[in-house]
Amino acid sequence: MSAAQPTTAIDNERVRVTTWTFDADGANTGPHIHEYDYIVVPVTGGRFTVTEVDGTIHERQQESGVPYAGTAGTAHDAANLPGERAVFVEIELKR
C-alpha cells in the first residue's frame, strides 16, 4: 500500500486542518488514534475500507460536501478502494 498524502493548512492551539489526498489504489492513512474530536469534510467523495484496532474491516462511503464527525480516541486505518481517488479535509478540534 502507498501512503495517503496529508497537507496541513492550519495548526494552532485551537484547531488543526489537514487535507488528505488518496491518489493510488489502496492508499492509506496508516494505523492511528485520533487525539482530538474531529470533523471530516469530503471534497471528492469516495469509498474506503476502515480497519479497526481489533481487525474488523468495514466499508465507508463518503459523499462530496457531506461532513461527518468523529471522536477522540477513535483508532483505525483508512484506505481508498481501487479505482477511487479521494480527497477530504479533516478538522481536529483541540479545545
N, C-alpha and C. Protein backbone atom coordinates (compact mmCIF):
# COMPACT_ATOMS: atom_id res chain seq x y z
N MET A 1 0.83 -1.19 0.00
CA MET A 1 0.00 0.00 0.00
C MET A 1 0.87 1.24 0.00
N SER A 2 0.36 2.26 -0.66
CA SER A 2 1.06 3.54 -0.61
C SER A 2 0.38 4.43 0.43
N ALA A 3 1.08 5.44 0.82
CA ALA A 3 0.57 6.33 1.86
C ALA A 3 -0.28 7.44 1.26
N ALA A 4 -1.38 7.76 1.95
CA ALA A 4 -2.16 8.94 1.61
C ALA A 4 -1.29 10.16 1.94
N GLN A 5 -1.51 11.25 1.24
CA GLN A 5 -0.68 12.44 1.44
C GLN A 5 -1.42 13.50 2.26
N PRO A 6 -0.94 13.78 3.48
CA PRO A 6 -1.54 14.84 4.29
C PRO A 6 -0.88 16.19 4.02
N THR A 7 -1.69 17.24 3.95
CA THR A 7 -1.19 18.60 3.82
C THR A 7 -1.88 19.44 4.88
N THR A 8 -1.12 19.89 5.87
CA THR A 8 -1.69 20.67 6.97
C THR A 8 -1.69 22.15 6.62
N ALA A 9 -2.88 22.77 6.64
CA ALA A 9 -3.03 24.18 6.30
C ALA A 9 -3.04 25.06 7.54
N ILE A 10 -3.58 24.56 8.63
CA ILE A 10 -3.67 25.32 9.88
C ILE A 10 -3.33 24.37 11.02
N ASP A 11 -2.50 24.83 11.93
CA ASP A 11 -2.20 24.06 13.14
C ASP A 11 -1.85 25.05 14.24
N ASN A 12 -2.85 25.35 15.07
CA ASN A 12 -2.61 26.28 16.17
C ASN A 12 -3.14 25.69 17.47
N GLU A 13 -3.29 26.49 18.50
CA GLU A 13 -3.70 25.96 19.80
C GLU A 13 -5.16 25.51 19.82
N ARG A 14 -5.96 25.91 18.83
CA ARG A 14 -7.39 25.59 18.82
C ARG A 14 -7.80 24.52 17.82
N VAL A 15 -7.10 24.47 16.67
CA VAL A 15 -7.56 23.61 15.59
C VAL A 15 -6.41 23.17 14.69
N ARG A 16 -6.56 22.00 14.09
CA ARG A 16 -5.63 21.54 13.05
C ARG A 16 -6.48 21.17 11.84
N VAL A 17 -6.14 21.71 10.67
CA VAL A 17 -6.88 21.42 9.44
C VAL A 17 -5.93 20.77 8.45
N THR A 18 -6.26 19.54 8.07
CA THR A 18 -5.40 18.76 7.19
C THR A 18 -6.21 18.25 6.00
N THR A 19 -5.67 18.43 4.80
CA THR A 19 -6.27 17.83 3.61
C THR A 19 -5.57 16.52 3.34
N TRP A 20 -6.35 15.44 3.22
CA TRP A 20 -5.82 14.11 2.94
C TRP A 20 -6.14 13.77 1.50
N THR A 21 -5.11 13.39 0.73
CA THR A 21 -5.27 13.02 -0.67
C THR A 21 -4.85 11.57 -0.85
N PHE A 22 -5.76 10.78 -1.39
CA PHE A 22 -5.55 9.35 -1.65
C PHE A 22 -5.50 9.19 -3.17
N ASP A 23 -4.30 9.19 -3.75
CA ASP A 23 -4.16 9.11 -5.20
C ASP A 23 -4.10 7.68 -5.71
N ALA A 24 -3.38 6.82 -5.05
CA ALA A 24 -3.17 5.46 -5.54
C ALA A 24 -4.23 4.52 -4.99
N ASP A 25 -4.51 3.45 -5.75
CA ASP A 25 -5.41 2.42 -5.25
C ASP A 25 -4.88 1.88 -3.93
N GLY A 26 -5.71 1.88 -2.92
CA GLY A 26 -5.31 1.34 -1.64
C GLY A 26 -4.44 2.26 -0.80
N ALA A 27 -4.28 3.52 -1.22
CA ALA A 27 -3.50 4.46 -0.40
C ALA A 27 -4.17 4.54 0.97
N ASN A 28 -3.37 4.58 2.02
CA ASN A 28 -3.94 4.56 3.36
C ASN A 28 -3.30 5.57 4.29
N THR A 29 -4.02 5.86 5.38
CA THR A 29 -3.53 6.80 6.38
C THR A 29 -2.48 6.17 7.28
N GLY A 30 -2.51 4.84 7.38
CA GLY A 30 -1.71 4.14 8.36
C GLY A 30 -2.50 4.08 9.66
N PRO A 31 -2.24 3.07 10.48
CA PRO A 31 -2.96 2.96 11.76
C PRO A 31 -2.69 4.19 12.62
N HIS A 32 -3.75 4.73 13.20
CA HIS A 32 -3.60 5.93 14.03
C HIS A 32 -4.75 6.03 15.03
N ILE A 33 -4.53 6.82 16.07
CA ILE A 33 -5.55 7.11 17.07
C ILE A 33 -5.81 8.61 17.03
N HIS A 34 -7.06 8.98 16.92
CA HIS A 34 -7.40 10.40 16.89
C HIS A 34 -7.25 10.99 18.28
N GLU A 35 -6.40 11.99 18.38
CA GLU A 35 -6.11 12.65 19.65
C GLU A 35 -7.24 13.60 20.06
N TYR A 36 -7.96 14.12 19.07
CA TYR A 36 -9.00 15.13 19.31
C TYR A 36 -10.30 14.72 18.61
N ASP A 37 -11.43 15.29 19.06
CA ASP A 37 -12.65 15.19 18.28
C ASP A 37 -12.37 15.82 16.92
N TYR A 38 -13.07 15.35 15.90
CA TYR A 38 -12.76 15.84 14.55
C TYR A 38 -13.99 15.85 13.66
N ILE A 39 -13.90 16.63 12.60
CA ILE A 39 -14.92 16.71 11.56
C ILE A 39 -14.22 16.42 10.25
N VAL A 40 -14.83 15.58 9.43
CA VAL A 40 -14.31 15.28 8.09
C VAL A 40 -15.26 15.88 7.07
N VAL A 41 -14.70 16.64 6.12
CA VAL A 41 -15.48 17.21 5.03
C VAL A 41 -14.95 16.62 3.73
N PRO A 42 -15.67 15.66 3.13
CA PRO A 42 -15.23 15.08 1.87
C PRO A 42 -15.25 16.12 0.75
N VAL A 43 -14.17 16.17 -0.01
CA VAL A 43 -14.08 17.08 -1.15
C VAL A 43 -14.57 16.36 -2.40
N THR A 44 -14.09 15.14 -2.61
CA THR A 44 -14.43 14.39 -3.81
C THR A 44 -15.45 13.29 -3.57
N GLY A 45 -15.68 12.93 -2.32
CA GLY A 45 -16.41 11.70 -2.06
C GLY A 45 -15.45 10.54 -2.25
N GLY A 46 -15.94 9.33 -2.13
CA GLY A 46 -15.08 8.17 -2.32
C GLY A 46 -15.48 7.03 -1.42
N ARG A 47 -14.89 5.87 -1.69
CA ARG A 47 -15.16 4.67 -0.89
C ARG A 47 -13.87 4.22 -0.23
N PHE A 48 -13.99 3.83 1.03
CA PHE A 48 -12.84 3.44 1.84
C PHE A 48 -13.11 2.13 2.56
N THR A 49 -12.04 1.41 2.85
CA THR A 49 -12.12 0.35 3.84
C THR A 49 -11.51 0.93 5.11
N VAL A 50 -12.17 0.69 6.21
CA VAL A 50 -11.70 1.17 7.51
C VAL A 50 -11.41 -0.06 8.35
N THR A 51 -10.17 -0.17 8.81
CA THR A 51 -9.77 -1.31 9.63
C THR A 51 -9.63 -0.85 11.07
N GLU A 52 -10.45 -1.43 11.95
CA GLU A 52 -10.42 -1.10 13.37
C GLU A 52 -9.24 -1.82 14.04
N VAL A 53 -8.92 -1.42 15.25
CA VAL A 53 -7.81 -1.99 16.00
C VAL A 53 -7.97 -3.51 16.19
N ASP A 54 -9.20 -3.96 16.36
CA ASP A 54 -9.44 -5.39 16.58
C ASP A 54 -9.44 -6.21 15.29
N GLY A 55 -9.15 -5.54 14.16
CA GLY A 55 -9.09 -6.23 12.87
C GLY A 55 -10.39 -6.20 12.09
N THR A 56 -11.45 -5.71 12.69
CA THR A 56 -12.73 -5.58 11.98
C THR A 56 -12.56 -4.60 10.82
N ILE A 57 -13.07 -5.00 9.66
CA ILE A 57 -13.00 -4.16 8.46
C ILE A 57 -14.41 -3.84 8.00
N HIS A 58 -14.65 -2.57 7.71
CA HIS A 58 -15.93 -2.20 7.12
C HIS A 58 -15.70 -1.15 6.04
N GLU A 59 -16.69 -1.00 5.18
CA GLU A 59 -16.58 -0.04 4.08
C GLU A 59 -17.32 1.23 4.45
N ARG A 60 -16.73 2.36 4.07
CA ARG A 60 -17.34 3.66 4.33
C ARG A 60 -17.46 4.42 3.02
N GLN A 61 -18.62 4.93 2.76
CA GLN A 61 -18.87 5.76 1.57
C GLN A 61 -18.89 7.21 2.01
N GLN A 62 -18.09 8.05 1.35
CA GLN A 62 -18.12 9.49 1.63
C GLN A 62 -18.77 10.18 0.44
N GLU A 63 -19.64 11.15 0.75
CA GLU A 63 -20.29 11.92 -0.29
C GLU A 63 -19.71 13.33 -0.29
N SER A 64 -19.33 13.81 -1.45
CA SER A 64 -18.73 15.14 -1.57
C SER A 64 -19.59 16.19 -0.88
N GLY A 65 -18.95 16.96 0.01
CA GLY A 65 -19.61 18.07 0.68
C GLY A 65 -20.47 17.69 1.88
N VAL A 66 -20.56 16.40 2.21
CA VAL A 66 -21.40 15.97 3.34
C VAL A 66 -20.48 15.60 4.51
N PRO A 67 -20.37 16.50 5.50
CA PRO A 67 -19.45 16.26 6.62
C PRO A 67 -19.98 15.23 7.61
N TYR A 68 -19.04 14.67 8.38
CA TYR A 68 -19.39 13.80 9.49
C TYR A 68 -18.38 14.02 10.60
N ALA A 69 -18.75 13.64 11.82
CA ALA A 69 -17.91 13.89 12.98
C ALA A 69 -17.39 12.58 13.56
N GLY A 70 -16.22 12.67 14.18
CA GLY A 70 -15.62 11.55 14.89
C GLY A 70 -15.15 12.01 16.25
N THR A 71 -14.83 11.05 17.10
CA THR A 71 -14.46 11.39 18.47
C THR A 71 -13.01 11.04 18.78
N ALA A 72 -12.47 11.78 19.73
CA ALA A 72 -11.12 11.49 20.22
C ALA A 72 -11.08 10.05 20.70
N GLY A 73 -9.96 9.38 20.46
CA GLY A 73 -9.80 8.01 20.88
C GLY A 73 -10.12 7.00 19.79
N THR A 74 -10.75 7.45 18.71
CA THR A 74 -11.04 6.55 17.59
C THR A 74 -9.71 6.04 17.03
N ALA A 75 -9.60 4.72 16.86
CA ALA A 75 -8.36 4.10 16.37
C ALA A 75 -8.68 3.26 15.15
N HIS A 76 -8.00 3.54 14.04
CA HIS A 76 -8.26 2.81 12.80
C HIS A 76 -7.20 3.12 11.75
N ASP A 77 -7.35 2.48 10.59
CA ASP A 77 -6.59 2.77 9.38
C ASP A 77 -7.62 2.90 8.27
N ALA A 78 -7.50 3.90 7.43
CA ALA A 78 -8.44 4.09 6.32
C ALA A 78 -7.68 4.00 5.01
N ALA A 79 -8.25 3.22 4.06
CA ALA A 79 -7.63 3.05 2.74
C ALA A 79 -8.69 3.21 1.67
N ASN A 80 -8.34 3.92 0.58
CA ASN A 80 -9.31 4.07 -0.50
C ASN A 80 -9.40 2.78 -1.31
N LEU A 81 -10.55 2.55 -1.88
CA LEU A 81 -10.77 1.34 -2.67
C LEU A 81 -10.20 1.52 -4.08
N PRO A 82 -9.84 0.43 -4.74
CA PRO A 82 -9.27 0.52 -6.10
C PRO A 82 -10.16 1.33 -7.04
N GLY A 83 -9.48 2.17 -7.84
CA GLY A 83 -10.18 2.99 -8.81
C GLY A 83 -10.83 4.23 -8.23
N GLU A 84 -10.57 4.50 -6.97
CA GLU A 84 -11.21 5.61 -6.28
C GLU A 84 -10.18 6.62 -5.79
N ARG A 85 -9.96 7.71 -6.52
CA ARG A 85 -9.16 8.81 -5.98
C ARG A 85 -10.06 9.55 -5.00
N ALA A 86 -9.52 9.92 -3.86
CA ALA A 86 -10.34 10.58 -2.86
C ALA A 86 -9.57 11.68 -2.16
N VAL A 87 -10.29 12.74 -1.80
CA VAL A 87 -9.72 13.86 -1.06
C VAL A 87 -10.74 14.27 0.01
N PHE A 88 -10.25 14.45 1.24
CA PHE A 88 -11.12 15.02 2.27
C PHE A 88 -10.32 15.94 3.17
N VAL A 89 -11.02 16.85 3.84
CA VAL A 89 -10.42 17.77 4.79
C VAL A 89 -10.82 17.30 6.18
N GLU A 90 -9.82 17.15 7.04
CA GLU A 90 -10.05 16.76 8.43
C GLU A 90 -9.78 17.95 9.33
N ILE A 91 -10.75 18.29 10.15
CA ILE A 91 -10.65 19.42 11.08
C ILE A 91 -10.63 18.87 12.49
N GLU A 92 -9.49 18.97 13.15
CA GLU A 92 -9.35 18.47 14.52
C GLU A 92 -9.59 19.62 15.50
N LEU A 93 -10.46 19.38 16.47
CA LEU A 93 -10.83 20.41 17.44
C LEU A 93 -10.03 20.21 18.72
N LYS A 94 -9.02 21.03 18.89
CA LYS A 94 -8.10 20.86 20.02
C LYS A 94 -8.70 21.31 21.34
N ARG A 95 -9.65 22.23 21.29
CA ARG A 95 -10.34 22.65 22.52
C ARG A 95 -11.69 23.22 22.21
